Amino acid sequence: MESERLISAFSALSDTTRLKIVMFLSARQRGAEFREGLSEEEICFHIADSSSKFFSITHHLYELEAAGLITIGRKDNLLICSLRSYMFESLAAELTAIAS
């Protein structure tokens, strides 16, 4: 993985909200309720704190997409988001190589 892509990925993951989004998508994609992608509203509902009734995450989703960590598609008026699992496998391989 080229260094710019690695830096971009870790930069995107350094934000708490973006990390929560990735962790939520990962849990849902591994769970029994798996289906291809989740809507922006579903993600927002599950990661927003209780004090935040109207919580916008669109810019965080686009940051994750720009870093190559998720894909964003459209269905009607919804953004549908999915993890790009192979990118996380690449990040893990890079970290393993650094640790060796």
Protein backbone atom coordinates (compact mmCIF):
# COMPACT_ATOMS: atom_id res chain seq x y z
CA MET A 1 0.00 0.00 0.00
CA GLU A 2 1.45 3.35 -0.95
CA SER A 3 2.31 5.73 1.88
CA GLU A 4 -0.19 8.42 0.82
CA ARG A 5 -3.05 5.91 0.95
CA LEU A 6 -1.89 4.66 4.33
CA ILE A 7 -1.68 8.19 5.71
CA SER A 8 -5.13 9.02 4.32
CA ALA A 9 -6.68 5.91 5.88
CA PHE A 10 -5.18 6.48 9.31
CA SER A 11 -6.07 10.16 9.18
CA ALA A 12 -9.69 9.29 8.44
CA LEU A 13 -9.75 6.74 11.26
CA SER A 14 -8.28 9.19 13.77
CA ASP A 15 -11.63 10.94 14.10
CA THR A 16 -13.88 9.47 16.81
CA THR A 17 -17.08 9.70 14.78
CA ARG A 18 -15.51 8.10 11.71
CA LEU A 19 -14.04 5.31 13.82
CA LYS A 20 -17.50 4.69 15.34
CA ILE A 21 -18.98 4.53 11.84
CA VAL A 22 -16.39 1.96 10.73
CA MET A 23 -16.86 -0.13 13.87
CA PHE A 24 -20.65 -0.07 13.45
CA LEU A 25 -20.47 -1.05 9.77
CA SER A 26 -18.04 -3.84 10.64
CA ALA A 27 -20.25 -5.22 13.41
CA ARG A 28 -23.32 -5.13 11.17
CA GLN A 29 -21.54 -6.77 8.25
CA ARG A 30 -20.31 -9.60 10.51
CA GLY A 31 -23.61 -10.02 12.33
CA ALA A 32 -26.68 -12.08 11.70
CA GLU A 33 -28.55 -9.02 10.44
CA PHE A 34 -26.13 -8.57 7.52
CA ARG A 35 -27.37 -7.03 4.34
CA GLU A 36 -25.45 -5.19 1.68
CA GLY A 37 -24.87 -1.68 2.97
CA LEU A 38 -26.59 0.53 5.51
CA SER A 39 -28.30 3.85 4.97
CA GLU A 40 -26.92 7.11 6.30
CA GLU A 41 -29.96 7.37 8.59
CA GLU A 42 -29.38 3.90 10.06
CA ILE A 43 -25.73 4.70 10.75
CA CYS A 44 -26.63 8.06 12.26
CA PHE A 45 -29.28 6.52 14.53
CA HIS A 46 -26.83 3.97 15.94
CA ILE A 47 -23.77 6.15 16.50
CA ALA A 48 -25.34 9.44 17.57
CA ASP A 49 -25.15 10.16 21.26
CA SER A 50 -28.39 10.61 23.15
CA SER A 51 -27.94 14.39 23.43
CA SER A 52 -27.81 14.80 19.66
CA LYS A 53 -31.28 14.52 18.14
CA PHE A 54 -30.26 15.81 14.71
CA PHE A 55 -26.84 14.45 13.93
CA SER A 56 -25.35 14.82 10.46
CA ILE A 57 -22.64 12.37 9.44
CA THR A 58 -22.53 12.94 5.70
CA HIS A 59 -19.16 14.70 5.73
CA HIS A 60 -17.67 11.86 7.80
CA LEU A 61 -18.97 9.31 5.32
CA TYR A 62 -17.40 11.20 2.43
CA GLU A 63 -14.07 11.40 4.31
CA LEU A 64 -14.11 7.63 4.79
CA GLU A 65 -14.97 7.16 1.13
CA ALA A 66 -12.15 9.49 0.02
CA ALA A 67 -9.73 7.42 2.11
CA GLY A 68 -10.95 4.29 0.33
CA LEU A 69 -12.37 2.70 3.47
CA ILE A 70 -16.06 2.59 2.52
CA THR A 71 -18.16 2.71 -0.60
CA ILE A 72 -21.16 4.98 -0.88
CA GLY A 73 -23.96 4.26 -3.29
CA ARG A 74 -27.38 5.76 -3.73
CA LYS A 75 -30.79 4.19 -3.51
CA ASP A 76 -33.57 6.67 -4.09
CA ASN A 77 -32.67 9.58 -1.78
CA LEU A 78 -30.52 7.51 0.59
CA LEU A 79 -26.78 7.07 0.83
CA ILE A 80 -25.99 3.36 1.19
CA CYS A 81 -22.62 2.63 2.84
CA SER A 82 -20.49 -0.51 2.98
CA LEU A 83 -16.99 -1.28 4.26
CA ARG A 84 -14.24 -2.07 1.80
CA SER A 85 -12.91 -5.02 3.81
CA TYR A 86 -9.83 -5.51 1.67
CA MET A 87 -8.62 -2.02 2.63
CA PHE A 88 -8.64 -3.00 6.30
CA GLU A 89 -6.81 -6.21 5.45
CA SER A 90 -4.18 -4.09 3.67
CA LEU A 91 -3.89 -1.76 6.67
CA ALA A 92 -3.46 -4.75 8.98
CA ALA A 93 -0.74 -6.16 6.71
CA GLU A 94 1.08 -2.84 6.71
CA LEU A 95 0.97 -2.63 10.51
CA THR A 96 2.18 -6.21 10.80
CA ALA A 97 5.09 -5.41 8.47
CA ILE A 98 6.00 -2.38 10.57
CA ALA A 99 5.93 -4.47 13.76
CA SER A 100 8.17 -7.18 12.30
